[in-house]
Amino acid sequence: MAAEVIYPPVSFHFRVEIKDFLGDIAFQSVDGLNAKIGQITHAEGGENTFTHHLPDRINYGDLTLKRGIIVGSELIAWFDDAIQNFKFDPKDVTVSLLNAEHQPLEQWIFRNAWPKEWNIESFDAMSGKVATETIVLSYQYFKR
């Protein structure tokens, strides 16, 4: 009996869930799933041939979500509340990589995300592209 061949999952089959925004979560792309361990360098007195490199705090990148513009979006209203009123209501965001049956293979939960940046792609009468927006979220940390 031959062993089952397991292929890496495809990156285009994913789901984004944002707490309290059930119908406003379809995205074209997700970027920023990264973490980096910082380091402290320490030069030991009397030792000139090397420095010690020690682990420091974890640094997380921003979570970037891209999609076609949705008129009347609750998600953008949440962002607008932060811009206009400087009122922040952090939300948990879950990004799931899905299998062929639409079940999560992997999940990343971003804790206490808040809107940091919003960009609308330039309008161009010659391109014929869909109007897109990019939403950038900052967060405390993520768990896999």
Protein backbone atom coordinates (compact mmCIF):
# COMPACT_ATOMS: atom_id res chain seq x y z
CA MET A 1 0.00 0.00 0.00
CA ALA A 2 1.45 3.34 -1.07
CA ALA A 3 1.75 6.18 1.41
CA GLU A 4 -0.58 9.14 0.93
CA VAL A 5 1.14 12.09 -0.71
CA ILE A 6 0.55 15.32 1.16
CA TYR A 7 0.94 18.54 -0.78
CA PRO A 8 1.43 22.01 0.70
CA PRO A 9 -1.88 23.90 0.96
CA VAL A 10 -2.81 26.56 -1.57
CA SER A 11 -2.56 30.16 -0.40
CA PHE A 12 -5.67 31.43 -2.16
CA HIS A 13 -8.19 29.48 -0.04
CA PHE A 14 -8.49 31.41 3.20
CA ARG A 15 -11.04 33.07 5.45
CA VAL A 16 -10.85 36.18 7.61
CA GLU A 17 -13.17 36.65 10.59
CA ILE A 18 -13.34 39.86 12.57
CA LYS A 19 -15.31 39.87 15.79
CA ASP A 20 -18.65 41.70 15.37
CA PHE A 21 -18.29 42.01 11.56
CA LEU A 22 -19.97 38.88 10.23
CA GLY A 23 -20.90 39.90 6.68
CA ASP A 24 -18.06 42.30 5.95
CA ILE A 25 -15.07 39.98 5.80
CA ALA A 26 -14.34 38.98 2.19
CA PHE A 27 -10.76 39.87 1.29
CA GLN A 28 -8.60 39.52 -1.81
CA SER A 29 -5.35 39.17 0.11
CA VAL A 30 -3.91 39.00 3.61
CA ASP A 31 -0.35 40.00 4.40
CA GLY A 32 1.72 40.49 7.53
CA LEU A 33 1.57 37.12 9.22
CA ASN A 34 5.02 37.44 10.73
CA ALA A 35 6.79 37.59 14.05
CA LYS A 36 10.41 38.34 14.81
CA ILE A 37 12.38 37.80 17.99
CA GLY A 38 14.40 40.87 18.84
CA GLN A 39 17.87 40.58 20.25
CA ILE A 40 20.09 42.35 22.72
CA THR A 41 23.82 42.44 22.12
CA HIS A 42 26.09 42.56 25.13
CA ALA A 43 29.82 43.12 24.99
CA GLU A 44 31.47 41.30 27.88
CA GLY A 45 34.18 43.27 29.65
CA GLY A 46 37.67 42.00 28.80
CA GLU A 47 36.42 39.82 25.91
CA ASN A 48 37.17 41.40 22.53
CA THR A 49 36.63 38.42 20.20
CA PHE A 50 32.81 38.24 20.30
CA THR A 51 29.62 39.78 21.70
CA HIS A 52 26.75 37.93 23.31
CA HIS A 53 23.45 37.87 21.39
CA LEU A 54 20.46 37.33 23.67
CA PRO A 55 16.74 37.02 22.83
CA ASP A 56 14.55 40.04 23.55
CA ARG A 57 10.88 40.90 22.98
CA ILE A 58 8.79 39.56 20.12
CA ASN A 59 7.96 42.06 17.36
CA TYR A 60 4.89 41.58 15.18
CA GLY A 61 4.24 43.11 11.78
CA ASP A 62 1.02 44.84 10.79
CA LEU A 63 -1.86 42.79 9.41
CA THR A 64 -2.78 44.07 5.94
CA LEU A 65 -6.13 43.18 4.37
CA LYS A 66 -6.95 44.06 0.75
CA ARG A 67 -10.34 43.91 -0.97
CA GLY A 68 -12.72 45.62 -3.36
CA ILE A 69 -14.37 48.67 -1.85
CA ILE A 70 -17.67 47.87 -0.12
CA VAL A 71 -20.07 50.81 0.05
CA GLY A 72 -21.64 51.12 3.52
CA SER A 73 -19.05 48.84 5.13
CA GLU A 74 -19.34 48.39 8.91
CA LEU A 75 -15.63 47.63 8.99
CA ILE A 76 -14.79 50.99 7.44
CA ALA A 77 -17.25 52.68 9.82
CA TRP A 78 -15.19 51.13 12.67
CA PHE A 79 -12.06 52.59 11.07
CA ASP A 80 -13.75 55.96 10.49
CA ASP A 81 -14.73 56.11 14.17
CA ALA A 82 -11.04 55.79 15.04
CA ILE A 83 -10.07 58.56 12.60
CA GLN A 84 -12.90 61.02 13.27
CA ASN A 85 -13.38 60.50 17.01
CA PHE A 86 -10.08 58.90 18.04
CA LYS A 87 -12.22 56.11 19.52
CA PHE A 88 -10.64 52.66 19.38
CA ASP A 89 -12.53 49.42 19.93
CA PRO A 90 -9.98 46.58 19.50
CA LYS A 91 -11.26 43.37 17.91
CA ASP A 92 -9.88 39.85 17.58
CA VAL A 93 -9.18 38.82 13.98
CA THR A 94 -8.89 35.19 12.87
CA VAL A 95 -7.18 34.21 9.63
CA SER A 96 -7.73 30.60 8.56
CA LEU A 97 -6.02 28.67 5.77
CA LEU A 98 -8.66 26.26 4.44
CA ASN A 99 -8.66 22.78 2.90
CA ALA A 100 -10.81 21.60 -0.03
CA GLU A 101 -13.76 21.04 2.34
CA HIS A 102 -13.50 24.67 3.58
CA GLN A 103 -12.25 23.51 6.99
CA PRO A 104 -9.29 25.25 8.70
CA LEU A 105 -5.91 23.62 8.21
CA GLU A 106 -4.16 26.38 10.17
CA GLN A 107 -5.47 29.37 12.09
CA TRP A 108 -3.91 32.54 13.39
CA ILE A 109 -5.74 34.64 15.97
CA PHE A 110 -4.66 38.27 16.16
CA ARG A 111 -5.52 39.72 19.57
CA ASN A 112 -6.83 43.24 20.13
CA ALA A 113 -6.43 44.49 16.57
CA TRP A 114 -7.18 48.13 15.89
CA PRO A 115 -7.30 50.10 12.64
CA LYS A 116 -4.03 51.80 11.83
CA GLU A 117 -4.16 52.73 8.17
CA TRP A 118 -6.64 52.77 5.28
CA ASN A 119 -5.67 53.25 1.65
CA ILE A 120 -7.77 53.43 -1.47
CA GLU A 121 -5.98 52.44 -4.67
CA SER A 122 -5.83 55.24 -7.23
CA PHE A 123 -8.71 55.60 -9.66
CA ASP A 124 -7.69 55.15 -13.30
CA ALA A 125 -10.19 55.41 -16.15
CA MET A 126 -7.82 53.52 -18.46
CA SER A 127 -7.29 50.42 -16.29
CA GLY A 128 -10.76 48.88 -15.94
CA LYS A 129 -9.84 47.47 -12.49
CA VAL A 130 -12.09 47.08 -9.49
CA ALA A 131 -11.74 49.89 -6.94
CA THR A 132 -9.79 48.40 -4.04
CA GLU A 133 -9.00 49.39 -0.49
CA THR A 134 -6.27 48.28 1.87
CA ILE A 135 -6.92 48.09 5.60
CA VAL A 136 -3.91 47.90 7.92
CA LEU A 137 -4.40 46.68 11.49
CA SER A 138 -2.02 46.78 14.40
CA TYR A 139 -2.40 44.17 17.15
CA GLN A 140 -0.81 43.01 20.40
CA TYR A 141 0.20 39.50 19.35
CA PHE A 142 -1.03 36.48 17.45
CA LYS A 143 -1.41 32.83 18.37
CA ARG A 144 -1.27 29.93 15.97
